């Protein structure tokens, strides 16, 4: 399945979760619900996946964790904040670079309208 097809399913699942739960909950609540909804569509979902970092022929296990990865292709970073900041975008881009993935989706569930709170971030496209 192509990243764009996966992204479409993720968006639908995010809207379903947001419609059911609304804004104002912890990120962990949205993460579990979103992972469940995506898996119900038959996609492989992993949560809290550790990401090692390499530097100068060394590999460090320093605590990076992906919120959700779908079909080993698309990374989802779940937020529940008043406003997304530049550091949230950079965090997801760093995860894409460390894992050599092409597409990431940043979702801020703490908003009244999810339309403007789902952001696609690409790496090497």
PDB file of N, CA and C in Angstrom:
ATOM      1  N   UNK A   1       0.846  -1.184   0.000  1.00  0.00           N
ATOM      2  CA  UNK A   1       0.000   0.000   0.000  1.00  0.00           C
ATOM      3  C   UNK A   1       0.888   1.242   0.000  1.00  0.00           C
ATOM      4  N   UNK A   2       0.531   2.207  -0.788  1.00  0.00           N
ATOM      5  CA  UNK A   2       1.295   3.451  -0.912  1.00  0.00           C
ATOM      6  C   UNK A   2       1.037   4.363   0.289  1.00  0.00           C
ATOM      7  N   UNK A   3       2.019   5.205   0.602  1.00  0.00           N
ATOM      8  CA  UNK A   3       1.898   6.137   1.731  1.00  0.00           C
ATOM      9  C   UNK A   3       0.652   7.013   1.649  1.00  0.00           C
ATOM     10  N   UNK A   4       0.299   7.454   0.453  1.00  0.00           N
ATOM     11  CA  UNK A   4      -0.881   8.314   0.316  1.00  0.00           C
ATOM     12  C   UNK A   4      -2.167   7.572   0.672  1.00  0.00           C
ATOM     13  N   UNK A   5      -2.248   6.297   0.319  1.00  0.00           N
ATOM     14  CA  UNK A   5      -3.418   5.491   0.676  1.00  0.00           C
ATOM     15  C   UNK A   5      -3.500   5.304   2.191  1.00  0.00           C
ATOM     16  N   UNK A   6      -2.358   5.063   2.802  1.00  0.00           N
ATOM     17  CA  UNK A   6      -2.299   4.917   4.263  1.00  0.00           C
ATOM     18  C   UNK A   6      -2.703   6.226   4.925  1.00  0.00           C
ATOM     19  N   UNK A   7      -2.214   7.335   4.388  1.00  0.00           N
ATOM     20  CA  UNK A   7      -2.523   8.656   4.928  1.00  0.00           C
ATOM     21  C   UNK A   7      -4.026   8.922   4.904  1.00  0.00           C
ATOM     22  N   UNK A   8      -4.691   8.518   3.857  1.00  0.00           N
ATOM     23  CA  UNK A   8      -6.136   8.703   3.735  1.00  0.00           C
ATOM     24  C   UNK A   8      -6.874   7.958   4.848  1.00  0.00           C
ATOM     25  N   UNK A   9      -6.450   6.728   5.108  1.00  0.00           N
ATOM     26  CA  UNK A   9      -7.067   5.920   6.170  1.00  0.00           C
ATOM     27  C   UNK A   9      -6.791   6.542   7.535  1.00  0.00           C
ATOM     28  N   UNK A  10      -5.578   7.036   7.734  1.00  0.00           N
ATOM     29  CA  UNK A  10      -5.211   7.677   9.004  1.00  0.00           C
ATOM     30  C   UNK A  10      -6.085   8.905   9.249  1.00  0.00           C
ATOM     31  N   UNK A  11      -6.271   9.726   8.231  1.00  0.00           N
ATOM     32  CA  UNK A  11      -7.105  10.929   8.377  1.00  0.00           C
ATOM     33  C   UNK A  11      -8.526  10.560   8.791  1.00  0.00           C
ATOM     34  N   UNK A  12      -9.085   9.559   8.126  1.00  0.00           N
ATOM     35  CA  UNK A  12     -10.437   9.123   8.467  1.00  0.00           C
ATOM     36  C   UNK A  12     -10.533   8.637   9.898  1.00  0.00           C
ATOM     37  N   UNK A  13      -9.525   7.878  10.324  1.00  0.00           N
ATOM     38  CA  UNK A  13      -9.502   7.374  11.701  1.00  0.00           C
ATOM     39  C   UNK A  13      -9.353   8.520  12.697  1.00  0.00           C
ATOM     40  N   UNK A  14      -8.525   9.508  12.366  1.00  0.00           N
ATOM     41  CA  UNK A  14      -8.326  10.654  13.256  1.00  0.00           C
ATOM     42  C   UNK A  14      -9.622  11.440  13.429  1.00  0.00           C
ATOM     43  N   UNK A  15     -10.343  11.655  12.344  1.00  0.00           N
ATOM     44  CA  UNK A  15     -11.619  12.367  12.438  1.00  0.00           C
ATOM     45  C   UNK A  15     -12.629  11.584  13.273  1.00  0.00           C
ATOM     46  N   UNK A  16     -12.632  10.265  13.131  1.00  0.00           N
ATOM     47  CA  UNK A  16     -13.548   9.435  13.916  1.00  0.00           C
ATOM     48  C   UNK A  16     -13.234   9.538  15.408  1.00  0.00           C
ATOM     49  N   UNK A  17     -11.947   9.461  15.752  1.00  0.00           N
ATOM     50  CA  UNK A  17     -11.524   9.567  17.155  1.00  0.00           C
ATOM     51  C   UNK A  17     -11.863  10.944  17.711  1.00  0.00           C
ATOM     52  N   UNK A  18     -11.552  11.984  16.958  1.00  0.00           N
ATOM     53  CA  UNK A  18     -11.809  13.345  17.427  1.00  0.00           C
ATOM     54  C   UNK A  18     -13.304  13.599  17.598  1.00  0.00           C
ATOM     55  N   UNK A  19     -14.086  13.080  16.691  1.00  0.00           N
ATOM     56  CA  UNK A  19     -15.542  13.239  16.787  1.00  0.00           C
ATOM     57  C   UNK A  19     -16.094  12.537  18.030  1.00  0.00           C
ATOM     58  N   UNK A  20     -15.541  11.374  18.344  1.00  0.00           N
ATOM     59  CA  UNK A  20     -16.023  10.607  19.499  1.00  0.00           C
ATOM     60  C   UNK A  20     -15.526  11.172  20.829  1.00  0.00           C
ATOM     61  N   UNK A  21     -14.275  11.608  20.879  1.00  0.00           N
ATOM     62  CA  UNK A  21     -13.667  12.004  22.151  1.00  0.00           C
ATOM     63  C   UNK A  21     -13.607  13.514  22.365  1.00  0.00           C
ATOM     64  N   UNK A  22     -13.555  14.282  21.281  1.00  0.00           N
ATOM     65  CA  UNK A  22     -13.423  15.725  21.399  1.00  0.00           C
ATOM     66  C   UNK A  22     -12.038  16.133  21.864  1.00  0.00           C
ATOM     67  N   UNK A  23     -11.790  17.432  21.995  1.00  0.00           N
ATOM     68  CA  UNK A  23     -10.488  17.929  22.442  1.00  0.00           C
ATOM     69  C   UNK A  23     -10.342  17.860  23.962  1.00  0.00           C
ATOM     70  N   UNK A  24      -9.099  18.023  24.434  1.00  0.00           N
ATOM     71  CA  UNK A  24      -8.870  18.218  25.861  1.00  0.00           C
ATOM     72  C   UNK A  24      -8.375  17.019  26.645  1.00  0.00           C
ATOM     73  N   UNK A  25      -8.162  15.881  25.982  1.00  0.00           N
ATOM     74  CA  UNK A  25      -7.673  14.704  26.703  1.00  0.00           C
ATOM     75  C   UNK A  25      -6.158  14.569  26.551  1.00  0.00           C
ATOM     76  N   UNK A  26      -5.592  13.612  27.253  1.00  0.00           N
ATOM     77  CA  UNK A  26      -4.154  13.356  27.161  1.00  0.00           C
ATOM     78  C   UNK A  26      -3.797  12.731  25.819  1.00  0.00           C
ATOM     79  N   UNK A  27      -2.572  12.983  25.374  1.00  0.00           N
ATOM     80  CA  UNK A  27      -2.085  12.406  24.120  1.00  0.00           C
ATOM     81  C   UNK A  27      -2.198  10.889  24.117  1.00  0.00           C
ATOM     82  N   UNK A  28      -1.905  10.267  25.250  1.00  0.00           N
ATOM     83  CA  UNK A  28      -1.927   8.801  25.323  1.00  0.00           C
ATOM     84  C   UNK A  28      -3.312   8.238  25.022  1.00  0.00           C
ATOM     85  N   UNK A  29      -4.359   8.951  25.386  1.00  0.00           N
ATOM     86  CA  UNK A  29      -5.734   8.507  25.106  1.00  0.00           C
ATOM     87  C   UNK A  29      -5.979   8.510  23.605  1.00  0.00           C
ATOM     88  N   UNK A  30      -5.607   9.605  22.942  1.00  0.00           N
ATOM     89  CA  UNK A  30      -5.791   9.702  21.500  1.00  0.00           C
ATOM     90  C   UNK A  30      -4.925   8.674  20.765  1.00  0.00           C
ATOM     91  N   UNK A  31      -3.727   8.456  21.257  1.00  0.00           N
ATOM     92  CA  UNK A  31      -2.823   7.499  20.626  1.00  0.00           C
ATOM     93  C   UNK A  31      -3.426   6.093  20.612  1.00  0.00           C
ATOM     94  N   UNK A  32      -3.941   5.658  21.749  1.00  0.00           N
ATOM     95  CA  UNK A  32      -4.531   4.320  21.853  1.00  0.00           C
ATOM     96  C   UNK A  32      -5.765   4.203  20.968  1.00  0.00           C
ATOM     97  N   UNK A  33      -6.623   5.213  21.014  1.00  0.00           N
ATOM     98  CA  UNK A  33      -7.853   5.185  20.213  1.00  0.00           C
ATOM     99  C   UNK A  33      -7.537   5.212  18.717  1.00  0.00           C
ATOM    100  N   UNK A  34      -6.577   6.053  18.309  1.00  0.00           N
ATOM    101  CA  UNK A  34      -6.207   6.150  16.907  1.00  0.00           C
ATOM    102  C   UNK A  34      -5.580   4.849  16.409  1.00  0.00           C
ATOM    103  N   UNK A  35      -4.700   4.277  17.195  1.00  0.00           N
ATOM    104  CA  UNK A  35      -4.084   2.997  16.819  1.00  0.00           C
ATOM    105  C   UNK A  35      -5.153   1.920  16.641  1.00  0.00           C
ATOM    106  N   UNK A  36      -6.113   1.907  17.539  1.00  0.00           N
ATOM    107  CA  UNK A  36      -7.215   0.939  17.450  1.00  0.00           C
ATOM    108  C   UNK A  36      -8.001   1.143  16.154  1.00  0.00           C
ATOM    109  N   UNK A  37      -8.396   2.368  15.866  1.00  0.00           N
ATOM    110  CA  UNK A  37      -9.195   2.645  14.666  1.00  0.00           C
ATOM    111  C   UNK A  37      -8.447   2.265  13.384  1.00  0.00           C
ATOM    112  N   UNK A  38      -7.164   2.557  13.338  1.00  0.00           N
ATOM    113  CA  UNK A  38      -6.377   2.221  12.138  1.00  0.00           C
ATOM    114  C   UNK A  38      -6.250   0.708  12.003  1.00  0.00           C
ATOM    115  N   UNK A  39      -6.019   0.022  13.106  1.00  0.00           N
ATOM    116  CA  UNK A  39      -5.896  -1.442  13.056  1.00  0.00           C
ATOM    117  C   UNK A  39      -7.213  -2.090  12.635  1.00  0.00           C
ATOM    118  N   UNK A  40      -8.338  -1.459  12.969  1.00  0.00           N
ATOM    119  CA  UNK A  40      -9.651  -1.976  12.560  1.00  0.00           C
ATOM    120  C   UNK A  40      -9.827  -1.929  11.042  1.00  0.00           C
ATOM    121  N   UNK A  41      -9.021  -1.124  10.374  1.00  0.00           N
ATOM    122  CA  UNK A  41      -9.045  -1.045   8.909  1.00  0.00           C
ATOM    123  C   UNK A  41      -8.125  -2.087   8.273  1.00  0.00           C
ATOM    124  N   UNK A  42      -7.530  -2.948   9.120  1.00  0.00           N
ATOM    125  CA  UNK A  42      -6.694  -4.028   8.609  1.00  0.00           C
ATOM    126  C   UNK A  42      -5.241  -3.668   8.396  1.00  0.00           C
ATOM    127  N   UNK A  43      -4.809  -2.520   8.897  1.00  0.00           N
ATOM    128  CA  UNK A  43      -3.416  -2.106   8.733  1.00  0.00           C
ATOM    129  C   UNK A  43      -2.582  -2.508   9.941  1.00  0.00           C
ATOM    130  N   UNK A  44      -1.323  -2.759   9.685  1.00  0.00           N
ATOM    131  CA  UNK A  44      -0.374  -3.088  10.764  1.00  0.00           C
ATOM    132  C   UNK A  44      -0.009  -1.798  11.495  1.00  0.00           C
ATOM    133  N   UNK A  45      -0.200  -1.812  12.803  1.00  0.00           N
ATOM    134  CA  UNK A  45       0.050  -0.631  13.627  1.00  0.00           C
ATOM    135  C   UNK A  45       0.981  -1.007  14.772  1.00  0.00           C
ATOM    136  N   UNK A  46       2.004  -0.184  14.985  1.00  0.00           N
ATOM    137  CA  UNK A  46       2.886  -0.341  16.141  1.00  0.00           C
ATOM    138  C   UNK A  46       2.889   0.984  16.895  1.00  0.00           C
ATOM    139  N   UNK A  47       2.895   0.890  18.225  1.00  0.00           N
ATOM    140  CA  UNK A  47       2.926   2.103  19.047  1.00  0.00           C
ATOM    141  C   UNK A  47       4.164   2.102  19.932  1.00  0.00           C
ATOM    142  N   UNK A  48       4.595   3.300  20.269  1.00  0.00           N
ATOM    143  CA  UNK A  48       5.741   3.516  21.153  1.00  0.00           C
ATOM    144  C   UNK A  48       6.964   2.690  20.716  1.00  0.00           C
ATOM    145  N   UNK A  49       7.225   2.721  19.429  1.00  0.00           N
ATOM    146  CA  UNK A  49       8.349   1.971  18.849  1.00  0.00           C
ATOM    147  C   UNK A  49       9.658   2.715  19.101  1.00  0.00           C
ATOM    148  N   UNK A  50      10.632   2.047  19.729  1.00  0.00           N
ATOM    149  CA  UNK A  50      11.914   2.721  19.980  1.00  0.00           C
ATOM    150  C   UNK A  50      12.673   2.984  18.682  1.00  0.00           C
ATOM    151  N   UNK A  51      13.362   4.122  18.648  1.00  0.00           N
ATOM    152  CA  UNK A  51      14.152   4.507  17.481  1.00  0.00           C
ATOM    153  C   UNK A  51      15.578   4.781  17.925  1.00  0.00           C
ATOM    154  N   UNK A  52      16.524   3.982  17.466  1.00  0.00           N
ATOM    155  CA  UNK A  52      17.920   4.261  17.807  1.00  0.00           C
ATOM    156  C   UNK A  52      18.462   5.414  16.966  1.00  0.00           C
ATOM    157  N   UNK A  53      19.512   6.029  17.454  1.00  0.00           N
ATOM    158  CA  UNK A  53      20.183   7.094  16.732  1.00  0.00           C
ATOM    159  C   UNK A  53      21.628   6.670  16.513  1.00  0.00           C
ATOM    160  N   UNK A  54      22.139   6.868  15.304  1.00  0.00           N
ATOM    161  CA  UNK A  54      23.535   6.540  15.041  1.00  0.00           C
ATOM    162  C   UNK A  54      24.345   7.814  14.851  1.00  0.00           C
ATOM    163  N   UNK A  55      25.575   7.733  15.319  1.00  0.00           N
ATOM    164  CA  UNK A  55      26.489   8.857  15.190  1.00  0.00           C
ATOM    165  C   UNK A  55      27.899   8.310  15.217  1.00  0.00           C
ATOM    166  N   UNK A  56      28.689   8.625  14.214  1.00  0.00           N
ATOM    167  CA  UNK A  56      30.104   8.244  14.152  1.00  0.00           C
ATOM    168  C   UNK A  56      30.306   6.751  14.447  1.00  0.00           C
ATOM    169  N   UNK A  57      29.635   5.913  13.689  1.00  0.00           N
ATOM    170  CA  UNK A  57      29.745   4.453  13.820  1.00  0.00           C
ATOM    171  C   UNK A  57      29.250   3.903  15.148  1.00  0.00           C
ATOM    172  N   UNK A  58      28.527   4.703  15.917  1.00  0.00           N
ATOM    173  CA  UNK A  58      27.957   4.240  17.176  1.00  0.00           C
ATOM    174  C   UNK A  58      26.437   4.280  17.070  1.00  0.00           C
ATOM    175  N   UNK A  59      25.791   3.385  17.766  1.00  0.00           N
ATOM    176  CA  UNK A  59      24.335   3.392  17.818  1.00  0.00           C
ATOM    177  C   UNK A  59      23.913   3.638  19.258  1.00  0.00           C
ATOM    178  N   UNK A  60      23.054   4.632  19.430  1.00  0.00           N
ATOM    179  CA  UNK A  60      22.600   5.018  20.758  1.00  0.00           C
ATOM    180  C   UNK A  60      21.120   4.684  20.917  1.00  0.00           C
ATOM    181  N   UNK A  61      20.794   4.052  22.009  1.00  0.00           N
ATOM    182  CA  UNK A  61      19.400   3.829  22.388  1.00  0.00           C
ATOM    183  C   UNK A  61      19.094   4.904  23.433  1.00  0.00           C
ATOM    184  N   UNK A  62      18.648   6.076  22.954  1.00  0.00           N
ATOM    185  CA  UNK A  62      18.550   7.219  23.859  1.00  0.00           C
ATOM    186  C   UNK A  62      17.128   7.650  24.168  1.00  0.00           C
ATOM    187  N   UNK A  63      16.182   6.808  23.857  1.00  0.00           N
ATOM    188  CA  UNK A  63      14.831   7.116  24.304  1.00  0.00           C
ATOM    189  C   UNK A  63      13.886   7.726  23.303  1.00  0.00           C
ATOM    190  N   UNK A  64      14.286   7.843  22.028  1.00  0.00           N
ATOM    191  CA  UNK A  64      13.314   8.287  21.031  1.00  0.00           C
ATOM    192  C   UNK A  64      12.267   7.204  20.862  1.00  0.00           C
ATOM    193  N   UNK A  65      11.008   7.593  20.800  1.00  0.00           N
ATOM    194  CA  UNK A  65       9.919   6.635  20.586  1.00  0.00           C
ATOM    195  C   UNK A  65       8.904   7.237  19.619  1.00  0.00           C
ATOM    196  N   UNK A  66       8.569   6.451  18.611  1.00  0.00           N
ATOM    197  CA  UNK A  66       7.515   6.866  17.685  1.00  0.00           C
ATOM    198  C   UNK A  66       6.175   6.624  18.349  1.00  0.00           C
ATOM    199  N   UNK A  67       5.277   7.581  18.274  1.00  0.00           N
ATOM    200  CA  UNK A  67       3.946   7.369  18.836  1.00  0.00           C
ATOM    201  C   UNK A  67       3.269   6.201  18.127  1.00  0.00           C
ATOM    202  N   UNK A  68       3.153   6.319  16.803  1.00  0.00           N
ATOM    203  CA  UNK A  68       2.507   5.279  16.004  1.00  0.00           C
ATOM    204  C   UNK A  68       3.237   5.176  14.668  1.00  0.00           C
ATOM    205  N   UNK A  69       3.431   3.951  14.196  1.00  0.00           N
ATOM    206  CA  UNK A  69       3.900   3.740  12.827  1.00  0.00           C
ATOM    207  C   UNK A  69       2.947   2.756  12.173  1.00  0.00           C
ATOM    208  N   UNK A  70       2.532   3.073  10.952  1.00  0.00           N
ATOM    209  CA  UNK A  70       1.527   2.289  10.242  1.00  0.00           C
ATOM    210  C   UNK A  70       2.170   1.636   9.020  1.00  0.00           C
ATOM    211  N   UNK A  71       1.992   0.324   8.929  1.00  0.00           N
ATOM    212  CA  UNK A  71       2.505  -0.460   7.797  1.00  0.00           C
ATOM    213  C   UNK A  71       4.011  -0.249   7.595  1.00  0.00           C
ATOM    214  N   UNK A  72       4.719   0.093   8.654  1.00  0.00           N
ATOM    215  CA  UNK A  72       6.154   0.359   8.599  1.00  0.00           C
ATOM    216  C   UNK A  72       6.505   1.423   7.546  1.00  0.00           C
ATOM    217  N   UNK A  73       5.545   2.320   7.285  1.00  0.00           N
ATOM    218  CA  UNK A  73       5.760   3.340   6.262  1.00  0.00           C
ATOM    219  C   UNK A  73       5.448   4.757   6.714  1.00  0.00           C
ATOM    220  N   UNK A  74       4.402   4.930   7.514  1.00  0.00           N
ATOM    221  CA  UNK A  74       3.947   6.274   7.881  1.00  0.00           C
ATOM    222  C   UNK A  74       4.016   6.442   9.395  1.00  0.00           C
ATOM    223  N   UNK A  75       4.699   7.486   9.824  1.00  0.00           N
ATOM    224  CA  UNK A  75       4.837   7.799  11.248  1.00  0.00           C
ATOM    225  C   UNK A  75       3.764   8.819  11.628  1.00  0.00           C
ATOM    226  N   UNK A  76       3.102   8.564  12.751  1.00  0.00           N
ATOM    227  CA  UNK A  76       2.122   9.515  13.270  1.00  0.00           C
ATOM    228  C   UNK A  76       2.638  10.039  14.608  1.00  0.00           C
ATOM    229  N   UNK A  77       2.700  11.340  14.718  1.00  0.00           N
ATOM    230  CA  UNK A  77       3.051  11.988  15.981  1.00  0.00           C
ATOM    231  C   UNK A  77       1.779  12.621  16.529  1.00  0.00           C
ATOM    232  N   UNK A  78       1.339  12.145  17.697  1.00  0.00           N
ATOM    233  CA  UNK A  78       0.094  12.593  18.305  1.00  0.00           C
ATOM    234  C   UNK A  78       0.388  13.679  19.337  1.00  0.00           C
ATOM    235  N   UNK A  79      -0.341  14.779  19.230  1.00  0.00           N
ATOM    236  CA  UNK A  79      -0.213  15.873  20.190  1.00  0.00           C
ATOM    237  C   UNK A  79      -1.585  16.246  20.729  1.00  0.00           C
ATOM    238  N   UNK A  80      -1.587  16.827  21.915  1.00  0.00           N
ATOM    239  CA  UNK A  80      -2.785  17.418  22.489  1.00  0.00           C
ATOM    240  C   UNK A  80      -2.337  18.688  23.212  1.00  0.00           C
ATOM    241  N   UNK A  81      -2.069  19.706  22.410  1.00  0.00           N
ATOM    242  CA  UNK A  81      -1.514  20.963  22.914  1.00  0.00           C
ATOM    243  C   UNK A  81      -2.381  22.124  22.446  1.00  0.00           C
ATOM    244  N   UNK A  82      -2.224  23.271  23.098  1.00  0.00           N
ATOM    245  CA  UNK A  82      -2.996  24.450  22.698  1.00  0.00           C
ATOM    246  C   UNK A  82      -2.692  24.860  21.264  1.00  0.00           C
ATOM    247  N   UNK A  83      -1.420  24.774  20.897  1.00  0.00           N
ATOM    248  CA  UNK A  83      -1.003  25.190  19.561  1.00  0.00           C
ATOM    249  C   UNK A  83       0.255  24.424  19.171  1.00  0.00           C
ATOM    250  N   UNK A  84       0.290  23.917  17.943  1.00  0.00           N
ATOM    251  CA  UNK A  84       1.500  23.268  17.451  1.00  0.00           C
ATOM    252  C   UNK A  84       2.589  24.317  17.271  1.00  0.00           C
ATOM    253  N   UNK A  85       3.804  23.952  17.615  1.00  0.00           N
ATOM    254  CA  UNK A  85       4.918  24.878  17.423  1.00  0.00           C
ATOM    255  C   UNK A  85       5.913  24.267  16.434  1.00  0.00           C
ATOM    256  N   UNK A  86       6.880  25.056  16.069  1.00  0.00           N
ATOM    257  CA  UNK A  86       7.887  24.632  15.106  1.00  0.00           C
ATOM    258  C   UNK A  86       8.633  23.387  15.585  1.00  0.00           C
ATOM    259  N   UNK A  87       8.839  23.266  16.881  1.00  0.00           N
ATOM    260  CA  UNK A  87       9.576  22.123  17.407  1.00  0.00           C
ATOM    261  C   UNK A  87       8.820  20.810  17.167  1.00  0.00           C
ATOM    262  N   UNK A  88       7.497  20.838  17.148  1.00  0.00           N
ATOM    263  CA  UNK A  88       6.717  19.628  16.863  1.00  0.00           C
ATOM    264  C   UNK A  88       6.954  19.157  15.432  1.00  0.00           C
ATOM    265  N   UNK A  89       7.000  20.094  14.501  1.00  0.00           N
ATOM    266  CA  UNK A  89       7.285  19.767  13.103  1.00  0.00           C
ATOM    267  C   UNK A  89       8.696  19.188  12.968  1.00  0.00           C
ATOM    268  N   UNK A  90       9.645  19.829  13.623  1.00  0.00           N
ATOM    269  CA  UNK A  90      11.039  19.379  13.546  1.00  0.00           C
ATOM    270  C   UNK A  90      11.216  18.005  14.173  1.00  0.00           C
ATOM    271  N   UNK A  91      10.511  17.741  15.263  1.00  0.00           N
ATOM    272  CA  UNK A  91      10.584  16.437  15.926  1.00  0.00           C
ATOM    273  C   UNK A  91      10.168  15.329  14.958  1.00  0.00           C
ATOM    274  N   UNK A  92       9.057  15.513  14.285  1.00  0.00           N
ATOM    275  CA  UNK A  92       8.584  14.494  13.351  1.00  0.00           C
ATOM    276  C   UNK A  92       9.532  14.360  12.168  1.00  0.00           C
ATOM    277  N   UNK A  93      10.042  15.451  11.657  1.00  0.00           N
ATOM    278  CA  UNK A  93      11.004  15.375  10.555  1.00  0.00           C
ATOM    279  C   UNK A  93      12.264  14.621  10.985  1.00  0.00           C
ATOM    280  N   UNK A  94      12.707  14.832  12.204  1.00  0.00           N
ATOM    281  CA  UNK A  94      13.866  14.093  12.722  1.00  0.00           C
ATOM    282  C   UNK A  94      13.569  12.599  12.780  1.00  0.00           C
ATOM    283  N   UNK A  95      12.385  12.244  13.251  1.00  0.00           N
ATOM    284  CA  UNK A  95      11.998  10.824  13.279  1.00  0.00           C
ATOM    285  C   UNK A  95      11.991  10.228  11.876  1.00  0.00           C
ATOM    286  N   UNK A  96      11.505  10.988  10.898  1.00  0.00           N
ATOM    287  CA  UNK A  96      11.502  10.501   9.520  1.00  0.00           C
ATOM    288  C   UNK A  96      12.926  10.264   9.022  1.00  0.00           C
ATOM    289  N   UNK A  97      13.812  11.191   9.332  1.00  0.00           N
ATOM    290  CA  UNK A  97      15.204  11.050   8.901  1.00  0.00           C
ATOM    291  C   UNK A  97      15.891   9.871   9.595  1.00  0.00           C
ATOM    292  N   UNK A  98      15.666   9.709  10.907  1.00  0.00           N
ATOM    293  CA  UNK A  98      16.303   8.618  11.646  1.00  0.00           C
ATOM    294  C   UNK A  98      15.832   7.244  11.172  1.00  0.00           C
ATOM    295  N   UNK A  99      14.592   7.162  10.717  1.00  0.00           N
ATOM    296  CA  UNK A  99      14.028   5.887  10.287  1.00  0.00           C
ATOM    297  C   UNK A  99      14.028   5.720   8.775  1.00  0.00           C
ATOM    298  N   UNK A 100      14.425   6.753   8.054  1.00  0.00           N
ATOM    299  CA  UNK A 100      14.445   6.761   6.594  1.00  0.00           C
ATOM    300  C   UNK A 100      13.051   6.516   6.005  1.00  0.00           C
ATOM    301  N   UNK A 101      12.035   7.067   6.653  1.00  0.00           N
ATOM    302  CA  UNK A 101      10.663   6.986   6.153  1.00  0.00           C
ATOM    303  C   UNK A 101      10.354   8.261   5.370  1.00  0.00           C
ATOM    304  N   UNK A 102       9.353   8.175   4.490  1.00  0.00           N
ATOM    305  CA  UNK A 102       9.037   9.293   3.616  1.00  0.00           C
ATOM    306  C   UNK A 102       7.928  10.204   4.135  1.00  0.00           C
ATOM    307  N   UNK A 103       6.979   9.641   4.899  1.00  0.00           N
ATOM    308  CA  UNK A 103       5.818  10.435   5.270  1.00  0.00           C
ATOM    309  C   UNK A 103       5.530  10.357   6.757  1.00  0.00           C
ATOM    310  N   UNK A 104       5.264  11.517   7.334  1.00  0.00           N
ATOM    311  CA  UNK A 104       4.837  11.610   8.722  1.00  0.00           C
ATOM    312  C   UNK A 104       3.587  12.468   8.810  1.00  0.00           C
ATOM    313  N   UNK A 105       2.754  12.163   9.788  1.00  0.00           N
ATOM    314  CA  UNK A 105       1.544  12.938  10.002  1.00  0.00           C
ATOM    315  C   UNK A 105       1.528  13.422  11.442  1.00  0.00           C
ATOM    316  N   UNK A 106       1.441  14.722  11.592  1.00  0.00           N
ATOM    317  CA  UNK A 106       1.376  15.368  12.894  1.00  0.00           C
ATOM    318  C   UNK A 106      -0.075  15.736  13.152  1.00  0.00           C
ATOM    319  N   UNK A 107      -0.638  15.236  14.265  1.00  0.00           N
ATOM    320  CA  UNK A 107      -2.038  15.487  14.569  1.00  0.00           C
ATOM    321  C   UNK A 107      -2.154  16.108  15.959  1.00  0.00           C
ATOM    322  N   UNK A 108      -2.794  17.276  16.016  1.00  0.00           N
ATOM    323  CA  UNK A 108      -3.085  17.909  17.295  1.00  0.00           C
ATOM    324  C   UNK A 108      -4.573  17.731  17.595  1.00  0.00           C
ATOM    325  N   UNK A 109      -4.880  16.833  18.526  1.00  0.00           N
ATOM    326  CA  UNK A 109      -6.266  16.540  18.863  1.00  0.00           C
ATOM    327  C   UNK A 109      -6.901  17.600  19.761  1.00  0.00           C
ATOM    328  N   UNK A 110      -6.106  18.508  20.305  1.00  0.00           N
ATOM    329  CA  UNK A 110      -6.659  19.534  21.198  1.00  0.00           C
ATOM    330  C   UNK A 110      -7.080  20.765  20.395  1.00  0.00           C
ATOM    331  N   UNK A 111      -7.980  20.542  19.449  1.00  0.00           N
ATOM    332  CA  UNK A 111      -8.493  21.640  18.647  1.00  0.00           C
ATOM    333  C   UNK A 111      -9.970  21.403  18.383  1.00  0.00           C
ATOM    334  N   UNK A 112     -10.678  22.490  18.136  1.00  0.00           N
ATOM    335  CA  UNK A 112     -12.105  22.343  17.863  1.00  0.00           C
ATOM    336  C   UNK A 112     -12.348  21.830  16.449  1.00  0.00           C
ATOM    337  N   UNK A 113     -11.443  22.150  15.523  1.00  0.00           N
ATOM    338  CA  UNK A 113     -11.541  21.676  14.146  1.00  0.00           C
ATOM    339  C   UNK A 113     -10.269  20.922  13.791  1.00  0.00           C
ATOM    340  N   UNK A 114     -10.421  19.658  13.477  1.00  0.00           N
ATOM    341  CA  UNK A 114      -9.248  18.836  13.170  1.00  0.00           C
ATOM    342  C   UNK A 114      -8.709  19.118  11.769  1.00  0.00           C
ATOM    343  N   UNK A 115      -9.502  19.748  10.913  1.00  0.00           N
ATOM    344  CA  UNK A 115      -9.067  20.014   9.533  1.00  0.00           C
ATOM    345  C   UNK A 115      -7.704  20.684   9.450  1.00  0.00           C
ATOM    346  N   UNK A 116      -7.488  21.683  10.285  1.00  0.00           N
ATOM    347  CA  UNK A 116      -6.232  22.431  10.238  1.00  0.00           C
ATOM    348  C   UNK A 116      -5.196  21.883  11.208  1.00  0.00           C
ATOM    349  N   UNK A 117      -5.520  20.801  11.884  1.00  0.00           N
ATOM    350  CA  UNK A 117      -4.622  20.245  12.899  1.00  0.00           C
ATOM    351  C   UNK A 117      -4.017  18.910  12.495  1.00  0.00           C
ATOM    352  N   UNK A 118      -4.168  18.559  11.224  1.00  0.00           N
ATOM    353  CA  UNK A 118      -3.502  17.371  10.671  1.00  0.00           C
ATOM    354  C   UNK A 118      -2.524  17.872   9.619  1.00  0.00           C
ATOM    355  N   UNK A 119      -1.236  17.628   9.868  1.00  0.00           N
ATOM    356  CA  UNK A 119      -0.193  18.181   9.000  1.00  0.00           C
ATOM    357  C   UNK A 119       0.684  17.055   8.467  1.00  0.00           C
ATOM    358  N   UNK A 120       0.847  17.031   7.160  1.00  0.00           N
ATOM    359  CA  UNK A 120       1.725  16.054   6.507  1.00  0.00           C
ATOM    360  C   UNK A 120       3.132  16.625   6.465  1.00  0.00           C
ATOM    361  N   UNK A 121       4.094  15.807   6.826  1.00  0.00           N
ATOM    362  CA  UNK A 121       5.496  16.203   6.754  1.00  0.00           C
ATOM    363  C   UNK A 121       6.225  15.135   5.952  1.00  0.00           C
ATOM    364  N   UNK A 122       6.990  15.569   4.970  1.00  0.00           N
ATOM    365  CA  UNK A 122       7.647  14.616   4.076  1.00  0.00           C
ATOM    366  C   UNK A 122       9.161  14.674   4.229  1.00  0.00           C
ATOM    367  N   UNK A 123       9.778  13.565   3.884  1.00  0.00           N
ATOM    368  CA  UNK A 123      11.220  13.423   3.931  1.00  0.00           C
ATOM    369  C   UNK A 123      11.670  12.838   2.601  1.00  0.00           C
ATOM    370  N   UNK A 124      12.543  13.523   1.915  1.00  0.00           N
ATOM    371  CA  UNK A 124      13.124  13.045   0.647  1.00  0.00           C
ATOM    372  C   UNK A 124      12.089  12.771  -0.423  1.00  0.00           C
ATOM    373  N   UNK A 125      11.117  13.630  -0.558  1.00  0.00           N
ATOM    374  CA  UNK A 125      10.147  13.490  -1.661  1.00  0.00           C
ATOM    375  C   UNK A 125      10.284  14.639  -2.623  1.00  0.00           C
TER     376      UNK A 125
END
